[in-house]
């Protein structure tokens, strides 16, 4: 006998032809947009990634709420925020630290000039360093020559003669204003200590 093909109707309910065509088209569109066909979207949350065989243990698939909060906090600390255009935290070095401290104490450097009060009492974490580009029009009358340029603000202040004179004068005023200890008082204190030591030994 010849093989007889059997057809089984899975959907026995009769529907109109228009509805059948719409159902078929919807099924095709859903199949094209389904995540099963898109392997990249499925593998985004997968634990198996390149270099998986080199790991000592299988990483955790889902992190708890506390771990997610700490991760979000770490990511937020890397920048200042959206209101500051995601200003990154600059790597701090000794030279940058000294320059920032000098900027914070700018009112002491030039007491005749009024400066706005500092917003922070500590050294800022988020900042950027730029270079001043000289204008060609100010080449002769408003320009710092290359031999007078220094690497940082501290070197510039140390090379400034007016600042050195002002510093020495202020230091002398502070020393004079402090009450000095007379040498006679120092001798008396030493004698009292010596006598107390002798009395204790006896």
N, C-alpha and C. Protein backbone atom coordinates (compact mmCIF):
# COMPACT_ATOMS: atom_id res chain seq x y z
N UNK A 1 0.83 -1.20 0.00
CA UNK A 1 0.00 0.00 0.00
C UNK A 1 0.87 1.25 0.00
N UNK A 2 0.35 2.22 -0.64
CA UNK A 2 1.06 3.49 -0.66
C UNK A 2 0.85 4.23 0.66
N UNK A 3 1.93 5.03 1.04
CA UNK A 3 1.81 5.83 2.26
C UNK A 3 0.75 6.91 2.08
N UNK A 4 -0.15 6.99 3.03
CA UNK A 4 -1.23 7.97 2.98
C UNK A 4 -0.89 9.10 3.95
N UNK A 5 -0.84 10.33 3.48
CA UNK A 5 -0.55 11.48 4.33
C UNK A 5 -1.76 11.87 5.14
N UNK A 6 -1.57 12.16 6.41
CA UNK A 6 -2.66 12.52 7.30
C UNK A 6 -2.52 14.00 7.67
N UNK A 7 -3.59 14.76 7.56
CA UNK A 7 -3.61 16.18 7.91
C UNK A 7 -4.46 16.36 9.16
N UNK A 8 -3.88 16.94 10.20
CA UNK A 8 -4.61 17.19 11.43
C UNK A 8 -4.79 18.69 11.59
N UNK A 9 -6.00 19.14 11.74
CA UNK A 9 -6.32 20.55 11.93
C UNK A 9 -6.18 20.88 13.41
N UNK A 10 -5.18 21.70 13.75
CA UNK A 10 -4.96 22.05 15.15
C UNK A 10 -6.00 23.05 15.64
N UNK A 11 -6.42 23.93 14.77
CA UNK A 11 -7.40 24.96 15.11
C UNK A 11 -8.72 24.63 14.41
N UNK A 12 -9.57 23.87 15.08
CA UNK A 12 -10.79 23.42 14.38
C UNK A 12 -11.84 24.51 14.21
N UNK A 13 -11.73 25.60 15.01
CA UNK A 13 -12.74 26.65 14.91
C UNK A 13 -12.62 27.35 13.57
N UNK A 14 -13.74 27.47 12.89
CA UNK A 14 -13.74 28.10 11.58
C UNK A 14 -13.71 29.61 11.73
N UNK A 15 -12.83 30.26 10.97
CA UNK A 15 -12.72 31.73 10.98
C UNK A 15 -12.75 32.21 9.55
N UNK A 16 -12.95 33.48 9.44
CA UNK A 16 -12.98 34.08 8.10
C UNK A 16 -11.58 34.10 7.51
N UNK A 17 -11.52 34.19 6.19
CA UNK A 17 -10.23 34.17 5.50
C UNK A 17 -9.39 35.40 5.85
N UNK A 18 -10.07 36.55 5.98
CA UNK A 18 -9.36 37.79 6.32
C UNK A 18 -8.71 37.70 7.67
N UNK A 19 -9.43 37.11 8.63
CA UNK A 19 -8.87 36.97 9.97
C UNK A 19 -7.69 36.01 9.97
N UNK A 20 -7.80 34.94 9.18
CA UNK A 20 -6.71 33.96 9.12
C UNK A 20 -5.44 34.60 8.57
N UNK A 21 -5.61 35.43 7.52
CA UNK A 21 -4.44 36.09 6.92
C UNK A 21 -3.80 37.06 7.93
N UNK A 22 -4.64 37.78 8.70
CA UNK A 22 -4.10 38.73 9.69
C UNK A 22 -3.36 37.99 10.79
N UNK A 23 -3.90 36.82 11.22
CA UNK A 23 -3.24 36.04 12.26
C UNK A 23 -1.91 35.53 11.77
N UNK A 24 -1.86 35.07 10.52
CA UNK A 24 -0.61 34.56 9.94
C UNK A 24 0.42 35.67 9.83
N UNK A 25 0.00 36.88 9.39
CA UNK A 25 0.94 38.00 9.25
C UNK A 25 1.46 38.45 10.62
N UNK A 26 0.56 38.45 11.63
CA UNK A 26 0.98 38.82 12.98
C UNK A 26 1.99 37.81 13.53
N UNK A 27 1.76 36.55 13.26
CA UNK A 27 2.70 35.52 13.72
C UNK A 27 4.07 35.69 13.09
N UNK A 28 4.07 36.03 11.79
CA UNK A 28 5.36 36.25 11.10
C UNK A 28 6.10 37.45 11.68
N UNK A 29 5.35 38.55 11.96
CA UNK A 29 5.99 39.75 12.50
C UNK A 29 6.52 39.50 13.91
N UNK A 30 5.76 38.75 14.70
CA UNK A 30 6.22 38.44 16.06
C UNK A 30 7.44 37.54 16.02
N UNK A 31 7.46 36.64 15.07
CA UNK A 31 8.62 35.74 14.96
C UNK A 31 9.86 36.51 14.57
N UNK A 32 9.70 37.56 13.72
CA UNK A 32 10.87 38.33 13.32
C UNK A 32 11.41 39.19 14.45
N UNK A 33 10.50 39.71 15.34
CA UNK A 33 10.92 40.57 16.44
C UNK A 33 11.18 39.81 17.73
N UNK A 34 10.96 38.51 17.75
CA UNK A 34 11.11 37.74 18.99
C UNK A 34 12.57 37.70 19.41
N UNK A 35 12.82 37.69 20.74
CA UNK A 35 14.21 37.67 21.23
C UNK A 35 14.92 36.35 20.98
N UNK A 36 14.15 35.32 20.59
CA UNK A 36 14.79 34.03 20.34
C UNK A 36 15.71 34.11 19.14
N UNK A 37 15.27 34.86 18.11
CA UNK A 37 16.08 34.97 16.89
C UNK A 37 17.28 35.88 17.08
N UNK A 38 17.20 36.83 18.01
CA UNK A 38 18.30 37.78 18.23
C UNK A 38 19.21 37.23 19.34
N UNK A 39 20.31 36.60 18.95
CA UNK A 39 21.20 35.96 19.92
C UNK A 39 22.00 36.98 20.73
N UNK A 40 22.30 38.13 20.12
CA UNK A 40 23.11 39.13 20.83
C UNK A 40 22.39 39.69 22.05
N UNK A 41 21.06 39.93 21.90
CA UNK A 41 20.31 40.45 23.04
C UNK A 41 20.22 39.43 24.17
N UNK A 42 20.13 38.16 23.80
CA UNK A 42 20.07 37.13 24.82
C UNK A 42 21.39 36.97 25.55
N UNK A 43 22.49 37.14 24.83
CA UNK A 43 23.82 36.93 25.43
C UNK A 43 24.32 38.11 26.24
N UNK A 44 23.57 39.24 26.21
CA UNK A 44 24.00 40.41 26.99
C UNK A 44 23.99 40.12 28.48
N UNK A 45 22.96 39.41 28.95
CA UNK A 45 22.83 39.10 30.37
C UNK A 45 23.46 37.75 30.73
N UNK A 46 24.07 37.13 29.75
CA UNK A 46 24.64 35.80 30.01
C UNK A 46 25.93 35.89 30.81
N UNK A 47 26.16 34.87 31.61
CA UNK A 47 27.39 34.79 32.41
C UNK A 47 28.56 34.34 31.55
N UNK A 48 28.27 33.56 30.52
CA UNK A 48 29.31 33.02 29.64
C UNK A 48 29.73 34.10 28.66
N UNK A 49 30.92 34.60 28.83
CA UNK A 49 31.47 35.66 27.98
C UNK A 49 32.88 35.26 27.57
N UNK A 50 33.51 36.00 26.66
CA UNK A 50 34.90 35.65 26.27
C UNK A 50 35.83 35.62 27.47
N UNK A 51 36.63 34.57 27.58
CA UNK A 51 37.52 34.37 28.72
C UNK A 51 36.85 33.68 29.89
N UNK A 52 35.67 33.07 29.66
CA UNK A 52 34.93 32.39 30.74
C UNK A 52 35.69 31.17 31.26
N UNK A 53 36.42 30.51 30.35
CA UNK A 53 37.13 29.28 30.77
C UNK A 53 38.31 29.57 31.68
N UNK A 54 38.78 30.83 31.72
CA UNK A 54 39.93 31.18 32.57
C UNK A 54 39.52 31.55 34.00
N UNK A 55 38.23 31.71 34.25
CA UNK A 55 37.77 32.10 35.58
C UNK A 55 37.86 30.94 36.56
N UNK A 56 38.10 31.28 37.83
CA UNK A 56 38.18 30.24 38.87
C UNK A 56 36.80 29.74 39.27
N UNK A 57 35.79 30.61 39.24
CA UNK A 57 34.44 30.21 39.61
C UNK A 57 33.44 30.93 38.71
N UNK A 58 32.24 30.43 38.69
CA UNK A 58 31.18 31.02 37.86
C UNK A 58 30.70 32.31 38.52
N UNK A 59 30.70 33.45 37.81
CA UNK A 59 30.24 34.70 38.43
C UNK A 59 28.75 34.67 38.73
N UNK A 60 28.34 35.51 39.69
CA UNK A 60 26.95 35.54 40.11
C UNK A 60 26.09 36.17 39.03
N UNK A 61 24.95 35.53 38.76
CA UNK A 61 24.09 36.02 37.67
C UNK A 61 23.34 37.28 38.07
N UNK A 62 22.72 37.25 39.24
CA UNK A 62 21.94 38.41 39.70
C UNK A 62 22.49 38.90 41.03
N UNK A 63 22.82 40.18 41.09
CA UNK A 63 23.35 40.77 42.32
C UNK A 63 22.19 41.23 43.21
N UNK A 64 22.43 41.24 44.53
CA UNK A 64 21.39 41.69 45.44
C UNK A 64 21.32 43.22 45.47
N UNK A 65 20.37 43.75 46.21
CA UNK A 65 20.10 45.20 46.20
C UNK A 65 21.28 45.98 46.75
N UNK A 66 21.94 45.46 47.79
CA UNK A 66 23.07 46.16 48.40
C UNK A 66 24.25 46.26 47.44
N UNK A 67 24.53 45.17 46.73
CA UNK A 67 25.63 45.18 45.77
C UNK A 67 25.34 46.15 44.63
N UNK A 68 24.09 46.18 44.17
CA UNK A 68 23.74 47.10 43.10
C UNK A 68 23.86 48.56 43.55
N UNK A 69 23.51 48.82 44.81
CA UNK A 69 23.64 50.19 45.34
C UNK A 69 25.09 50.62 45.41
N UNK A 70 25.96 49.72 45.88
CA UNK A 70 27.39 50.05 45.95
C UNK A 70 27.99 50.27 44.56
N UNK A 71 27.57 49.47 43.60
CA UNK A 71 28.06 49.65 42.22
C UNK A 71 27.60 50.97 41.65
N UNK A 72 26.33 51.32 41.91
CA UNK A 72 25.82 52.61 41.42
C UNK A 72 26.53 53.78 42.08
N UNK A 73 26.85 53.63 43.37
CA UNK A 73 27.56 54.69 44.09
C UNK A 73 28.97 54.87 43.54
N UNK A 74 29.64 53.75 43.23
CA UNK A 74 30.99 53.82 42.64
C UNK A 74 30.95 54.51 41.28
N UNK A 75 29.95 54.18 40.48
CA UNK A 75 29.83 54.80 39.16
C UNK A 75 29.52 56.30 39.30
N UNK A 76 28.71 56.65 40.30
CA UNK A 76 28.36 58.06 40.49
C UNK A 76 29.54 58.87 40.99
N UNK A 77 30.44 58.24 41.77
CA UNK A 77 31.60 58.96 42.31
C UNK A 77 32.66 59.27 41.25
N UNK A 78 32.58 58.60 40.12
CA UNK A 78 33.58 58.82 39.07
C UNK A 78 33.43 60.18 38.40
N UNK A 79 32.21 60.71 38.38
CA UNK A 79 31.95 62.01 37.76
C UNK A 79 31.20 62.91 38.72
N UNK A 80 31.16 64.21 38.39
CA UNK A 80 30.47 65.20 39.22
C UNK A 80 28.95 65.11 39.06
N UNK A 81 28.49 64.66 37.91
CA UNK A 81 27.05 64.53 37.67
C UNK A 81 26.64 65.19 36.37
N UNK A 82 25.38 64.97 36.02
CA UNK A 82 24.87 65.50 34.76
C UNK A 82 24.80 67.02 34.74
N UNK A 83 24.56 67.65 35.90
CA UNK A 83 24.50 69.12 35.95
C UNK A 83 25.86 69.76 35.68
N UNK A 84 26.93 69.00 35.92
CA UNK A 84 28.29 69.50 35.67
C UNK A 84 28.88 68.84 34.42
N UNK A 85 27.99 68.38 33.53
CA UNK A 85 28.41 67.77 32.26
C UNK A 85 29.35 66.58 32.48
N UNK A 86 29.07 65.80 33.56
CA UNK A 86 29.85 64.59 33.89
C UNK A 86 31.35 64.88 33.98
N UNK A 87 31.68 65.92 34.77
CA UNK A 87 33.09 66.29 34.97
C UNK A 87 33.82 65.16 35.70
N UNK A 88 34.87 64.59 35.10
CA UNK A 88 35.53 63.44 35.75
C UNK A 88 36.43 63.86 36.89
N UNK A 89 36.69 62.92 37.79
CA UNK A 89 37.60 63.17 38.92
C UNK A 89 39.03 63.06 38.41
N UNK A 90 39.79 64.14 38.53
CA UNK A 90 41.17 64.17 38.03
C UNK A 90 42.10 63.44 38.99
N UNK A 91 43.08 62.77 38.42
CA UNK A 91 44.07 62.06 39.26
C UNK A 91 44.93 63.07 40.01
N UNK A 92 44.98 62.93 41.31
CA UNK A 92 45.68 63.89 42.17
C UNK A 92 47.17 63.54 42.27
N UNK A 93 48.02 64.55 42.05
CA UNK A 93 49.46 64.42 42.25
C UNK A 93 49.92 65.47 43.26
N UNK A 94 51.18 65.39 43.67
CA UNK A 94 51.69 66.34 44.66
C UNK A 94 51.70 67.77 44.12
N UNK A 95 52.08 67.93 42.85
CA UNK A 95 52.13 69.27 42.25
C UNK A 95 50.73 69.88 42.18
N UNK A 96 49.74 69.08 41.76
CA UNK A 96 48.37 69.59 41.69
C UNK A 96 47.82 69.91 43.07
N UNK A 97 48.19 69.09 44.05
CA UNK A 97 47.74 69.33 45.42
C UNK A 97 48.30 70.64 45.95
N UNK A 98 49.59 70.91 45.71
CA UNK A 98 50.20 72.17 46.15
C UNK A 98 49.56 73.37 45.45
N UNK A 99 49.29 73.23 44.16
CA UNK A 99 48.67 74.33 43.42
C UNK A 99 47.27 74.63 43.96
N UNK A 100 46.52 73.59 44.26
CA UNK A 100 45.17 73.80 44.80
C UNK A 100 45.22 74.45 46.17
N UNK A 101 46.19 74.08 46.99
CA UNK A 101 46.34 74.70 48.31
C UNK A 101 46.72 76.17 48.18
N UNK A 102 47.57 76.49 47.21
CA UNK A 102 47.95 77.90 46.98
C UNK A 102 46.73 78.70 46.53
N UNK A 103 45.90 78.12 45.67
CA UNK A 103 44.70 78.82 45.19
C UNK A 103 43.73 79.06 46.34
N UNK A 104 43.63 78.10 47.25
CA UNK A 104 42.75 78.29 48.40
C UNK A 104 43.25 79.38 49.35
N UNK A 105 44.56 79.57 49.41
CA UNK A 105 45.13 80.60 50.29
C UNK A 105 45.51 81.86 49.51
N UNK A 106 44.78 82.14 48.44
CA UNK A 106 45.12 83.28 47.57
C UNK A 106 44.93 84.62 48.25
N UNK A 107 44.04 84.69 49.23
CA UNK A 107 43.81 85.97 49.92
C UNK A 107 45.03 86.39 50.76
N UNK A 108 45.83 85.42 51.19
CA UNK A 108 47.03 85.73 51.96
C UNK A 108 48.16 86.21 51.05
N UNK A 109 48.18 85.71 49.82
CA UNK A 109 49.25 86.07 48.90
C UNK A 109 49.18 87.55 48.51
N UNK A 110 47.98 88.04 48.29
CA UNK A 110 47.81 89.44 47.90
C UNK A 110 46.70 90.04 48.75
N UNK A 111 47.03 90.63 49.92
CA UNK A 111 45.98 91.13 50.82
C UNK A 111 45.26 92.36 50.28
N UNK A 112 45.84 93.08 49.34
CA UNK A 112 45.19 94.27 48.79
C UNK A 112 44.09 93.91 47.80
N UNK A 113 44.12 92.69 47.29
CA UNK A 113 43.12 92.24 46.32
C UNK A 113 42.00 91.48 47.04
N UNK A 114 40.73 91.79 46.70
CA UNK A 114 39.60 91.09 47.30
C UNK A 114 39.29 89.84 46.50
N UNK A 115 39.19 88.72 47.20
CA UNK A 115 38.83 87.45 46.57
C UNK A 115 37.57 86.89 47.21
N UNK A 116 36.79 86.18 46.42
CA UNK A 116 35.58 85.54 46.93
C UNK A 116 35.96 84.40 47.87
N UNK A 117 35.10 84.16 48.86
CA UNK A 117 35.36 83.11 49.83
C UNK A 117 35.31 81.74 49.16
N UNK A 118 36.13 80.81 49.64
CA UNK A 118 36.17 79.47 49.07
C UNK A 118 34.87 78.73 49.35
N UNK A 119 34.39 77.98 48.35
CA UNK A 119 33.18 77.18 48.52
C UNK A 119 33.43 75.96 49.40
N UNK A 120 34.63 75.39 49.28
CA UNK A 120 34.97 74.18 50.04
C UNK A 120 36.14 74.46 50.98
N UNK A 121 36.13 73.82 52.15
CA UNK A 121 37.26 73.93 53.07
C UNK A 121 38.34 72.91 52.77
N UNK A 122 38.01 71.90 51.98
CA UNK A 122 38.96 70.87 51.60
C UNK A 122 39.32 71.04 50.13
N UNK A 123 40.33 70.29 49.70
CA UNK A 123 40.77 70.34 48.31
C UNK A 123 39.71 69.69 47.44
N UNK A 124 39.30 70.32 46.34
CA UNK A 124 38.24 69.73 45.50
C UNK A 124 38.70 68.44 44.83
N UNK A 125 37.72 67.55 44.64
CA UNK A 125 37.99 66.26 44.00
C UNK A 125 37.82 66.35 42.49
N UNK A 126 36.87 67.15 42.04
CA UNK A 126 36.58 67.28 40.61
C UNK A 126 37.08 68.63 40.12
N UNK A 127 38.03 68.63 39.23
CA UNK A 127 38.57 69.87 38.66
C UNK A 127 39.28 69.53 37.35
N UNK A 128 39.58 70.56 36.59
CA UNK A 128 40.32 70.40 35.33
C UNK A 128 41.41 71.46 35.25
N UNK A 129 42.51 71.08 34.63
CA UNK A 129 43.66 71.98 34.48
C UNK A 129 43.76 72.35 33.01
N UNK A 130 43.87 73.64 32.75
CA UNK A 130 43.98 74.13 31.38
C UNK A 130 45.21 74.99 31.20
N UNK A 131 45.49 75.35 29.98
CA UNK A 131 46.63 76.21 29.65
C UNK A 131 46.10 77.51 29.03
N UNK A 132 46.72 78.61 29.43
CA UNK A 132 46.34 79.93 28.91
C UNK A 132 47.07 80.15 27.59
N UNK A 133 46.31 80.40 26.54
CA UNK A 133 46.90 80.65 25.22
C UNK A 133 47.07 82.15 25.06
N UNK A 134 48.30 82.58 24.82
CA UNK A 134 48.59 84.01 24.65
C UNK A 134 48.08 84.52 23.31
N UNK A 135 47.61 85.75 23.34
CA UNK A 135 47.15 86.37 22.11
C UNK A 135 48.34 86.97 21.35
N UNK A 136 48.26 86.94 20.05
CA UNK A 136 49.34 87.52 19.23
C UNK A 136 49.40 89.04 19.36
N UNK A 137 48.27 89.66 19.69
CA UNK A 137 48.25 91.12 19.83
C UNK A 137 48.97 91.58 21.09
N UNK A 138 49.06 90.69 22.11
CA UNK A 138 49.71 91.04 23.37
C UNK A 138 51.14 90.51 23.45
N UNK A 139 51.80 90.42 22.33
CA UNK A 139 53.14 89.80 22.31
C UNK A 139 54.17 90.65 23.05
N UNK A 140 54.06 91.97 22.97
CA UNK A 140 55.12 92.83 23.52
C UNK A 140 54.80 93.37 24.91
N UNK A 141 53.53 93.68 25.20
CA UNK A 141 53.25 94.38 26.45
C UNK A 141 52.56 93.52 27.51
N UNK A 142 51.93 92.41 27.16
CA UNK A 142 51.20 91.60 28.15
C UNK A 142 51.48 90.12 27.88
N UNK A 143 52.70 89.71 28.12
CA UNK A 143 53.08 88.32 27.86
C UNK A 143 54.21 87.93 28.80
N UNK A 144 54.15 86.71 29.32
CA UNK A 144 55.22 86.20 30.19
C UNK A 144 56.26 85.51 29.31
N UNK A 145 57.52 85.97 29.33
CA UNK A 145 58.54 85.31 28.50
C UNK A 145 58.76 83.86 28.91
N UNK A 146 59.29 83.07 28.01
CA UNK A 146 59.49 81.65 28.26
C UNK A 146 60.47 81.39 29.41
N UNK A 147 61.47 82.26 29.56
CA UNK A 147 62.46 82.04 30.62
C UNK A 147 61.87 82.31 32.01
N UNK A 148 60.79 83.12 32.06
CA UNK A 148 60.14 83.41 33.35
C UNK A 148 58.99 82.45 33.67
N UNK A 149 58.64 81.60 32.73
CA UNK A 149 57.54 80.65 32.95
C UNK A 149 58.01 79.48 33.80
N UNK A 150 57.13 79.05 34.70
CA UNK A 150 57.44 77.92 35.59
C UNK A 150 56.41 76.80 35.37
N UNK A 151 56.75 75.65 35.96
CA UNK A 151 55.88 74.49 35.77
C UNK A 151 54.58 74.60 36.57
N UNK A 152 54.64 75.17 37.76
CA UNK A 152 53.44 75.26 38.60
C UNK A 152 53.43 76.59 39.36
N UNK A 153 52.36 76.79 40.13
CA UNK A 153 52.17 78.07 40.85
C UNK A 153 53.19 78.26 41.96
N UNK A 154 53.58 77.18 42.62
CA UNK A 154 54.52 77.29 43.74
C UNK A 154 55.88 77.79 43.25
N UNK A 155 56.34 77.27 42.11
CA UNK A 155 57.60 77.73 41.54
C UNK A 155 57.53 79.20 41.13
N UNK A 156 56.39 79.61 40.61
CA UNK A 156 56.22 81.01 40.23
C UNK A 156 56.29 81.93 41.45
N UNK A 157 55.66 81.52 42.54
CA UNK A 157 55.70 82.33 43.76
C UNK A 157 57.10 82.40 44.36
N UNK A 158 57.82 81.28 44.31
CA UNK A 158 59.18 81.27 44.84
C UNK A 158 60.12 82.15 44.01
N UNK A 159 59.81 82.29 42.74
CA UNK A 159 60.64 83.13 41.87
C UNK A 159 60.23 84.60 41.92
N UNK A 160 59.09 84.90 42.53
CA UNK A 160 58.59 86.28 42.58
C UNK A 160 59.29 87.02 43.72
N UNK A 161 60.01 88.10 43.41
CA UNK A 161 60.78 88.85 44.42
C UNK A 161 59.84 89.62 45.36
N UNK A 162 58.78 90.22 44.82
CA UNK A 162 57.83 90.98 45.65
C UNK A 162 57.17 90.07 46.69
N UNK A 163 56.81 88.88 46.26
CA UNK A 163 56.20 87.93 47.19
C UNK A 163 57.18 87.52 48.29
N UNK A 164 58.44 87.34 47.94
CA UNK A 164 59.45 86.95 48.94
C UNK A 164 59.64 88.06 49.97
N UNK A 165 59.68 89.32 49.51
CA UNK A 165 59.82 90.45 50.44
C UNK A 165 58.62 90.55 51.38
N UNK A 166 57.44 90.41 50.82
CA UNK A 166 56.22 90.46 51.63
C UNK A 166 56.21 89.31 52.65
N UNK A 167 56.66 88.16 52.25
CA UNK A 167 56.70 86.99 53.12
C UNK A 167 57.65 87.23 54.30
N UNK A 168 58.83 87.75 54.00
CA UNK A 168 59.82 88.00 55.06
C UNK A 168 59.31 89.05 56.05
N UNK A 169 58.67 90.10 55.53
CA UNK A 169 58.17 91.16 56.39
C UNK A 169 57.07 90.63 57.32
N UNK A 170 56.17 89.81 56.77
CA UNK A 170 55.09 89.24 57.58
C UNK A 170 55.64 88.29 58.63
N UNK A 171 56.63 87.52 58.25
CA UNK A 171 57.22 86.56 59.19
C UNK A 171 57.88 87.31 60.36
N UNK A 172 58.58 88.40 60.05
CA UNK A 172 59.22 89.20 61.11
C UNK A 172 58.17 89.82 62.04
N UNK A 173 57.04 90.29 61.48
CA UNK A 173 55.99 90.86 62.32
C UNK A 173 55.38 89.81 63.25
N UNK A 174 55.19 88.62 62.76
CA UNK A 174 54.61 87.55 63.58
C UNK A 174 55.55 87.16 64.72
N UNK A 175 56.84 87.08 64.41
CA UNK A 175 57.83 86.72 65.44
C UNK A 175 57.89 87.79 66.52
N UNK A 176 57.83 89.05 66.12
CA UNK A 176 57.88 90.15 67.11
C UNK A 176 56.62 90.21 67.97
N UNK A 177 55.49 89.89 67.37
CA UNK A 177 54.23 89.96 68.13
C UNK A 177 54.13 88.86 69.17
N UNK A 178 54.78 87.73 68.97
CA UNK A 178 54.73 86.64 69.93
C UNK A 178 55.56 86.99 71.16
N UNK A 179 55.05 86.72 72.36
CA UNK A 179 55.83 87.02 73.57
C UNK A 179 57.00 86.04 73.71
N UNK A 180 58.21 86.59 73.76
CA UNK A 180 59.39 85.74 73.86
C UNK A 180 59.69 85.34 75.30
N UNK A 181 60.27 84.19 75.50
CA UNK A 181 60.64 83.72 76.84
C UNK A 181 62.05 84.22 77.17
N UNK A 182 62.18 84.87 78.32
CA UNK A 182 63.48 85.41 78.71
C UNK A 182 64.42 84.28 79.14
N UNK A 183 65.72 84.46 78.93
CA UNK A 183 66.67 83.40 79.33
C UNK A 183 66.72 83.17 80.84
N UNK A 184 66.41 84.22 81.66
CA UNK A 184 66.43 84.03 83.12
C UNK A 184 65.34 83.05 83.56
N UNK A 185 64.18 83.14 82.93
CA UNK A 185 63.10 82.22 83.26
C UNK A 185 63.46 80.78 82.90
N UNK A 186 64.17 80.63 81.79
CA UNK A 186 64.58 79.28 81.36
C UNK A 186 65.53 78.68 82.39
N UNK A 187 66.48 79.50 82.89
CA UNK A 187 67.42 79.02 83.91
C UNK A 187 66.70 78.62 85.20
N UNK A 188 65.70 79.43 85.60
CA UNK A 188 64.94 79.11 86.82
C UNK A 188 64.20 77.79 86.68
N UNK A 189 63.62 77.58 85.52
CA UNK A 189 62.88 76.33 85.29
C UNK A 189 63.82 75.13 85.36
N UNK A 190 65.00 75.29 84.80
CA UNK A 190 65.98 74.19 84.83
C UNK A 190 66.42 73.90 86.26
N UNK A 191 66.65 74.96 87.05
CA UNK A 191 67.06 74.77 88.45
C UNK A 191 65.97 74.09 89.28
N UNK A 192 64.72 74.48 89.06
CA UNK A 192 63.61 73.86 89.79
C UNK A 192 63.51 72.38 89.46
N UNK A 193 63.66 72.04 88.20
CA UNK A 193 63.63 70.63 87.79
C UNK A 193 64.77 69.85 88.43
N UNK A 194 65.94 70.47 88.42
CA UNK A 194 67.13 69.80 88.99
C UNK A 194 66.96 69.56 90.49
N UNK A 195 66.44 70.58 91.20
CA UNK A 195 66.23 70.44 92.65
C UNK A 195 65.18 69.39 92.98
N UNK A 196 64.11 69.34 92.21
CA UNK A 196 63.05 68.32 92.44
C UNK A 196 63.61 66.92 92.23
N UNK A 197 64.50 66.77 91.26
CA UNK A 197 65.10 65.46 90.98
C UNK A 197 66.02 65.04 92.15
N UNK A 198 66.77 66.00 92.70
CA UNK A 198 67.64 65.68 93.83
C UNK A 198 66.84 65.29 95.06
N UNK A 199 65.73 66.02 95.31
CA UNK A 199 64.90 65.71 96.47
C UNK A 199 64.27 64.33 96.36
N UNK A 200 63.87 63.97 95.14
CA UNK A 200 63.27 62.65 94.95
C UNK A 200 64.28 61.53 95.14
N UNK A 201 65.51 61.77 94.71
CA UNK A 201 66.55 60.73 94.84
C UNK A 201 66.94 60.53 96.30
N UNK A 202 66.95 61.62 97.09
CA UNK A 202 67.29 61.53 98.51
C UNK A 202 66.12 60.92 99.30
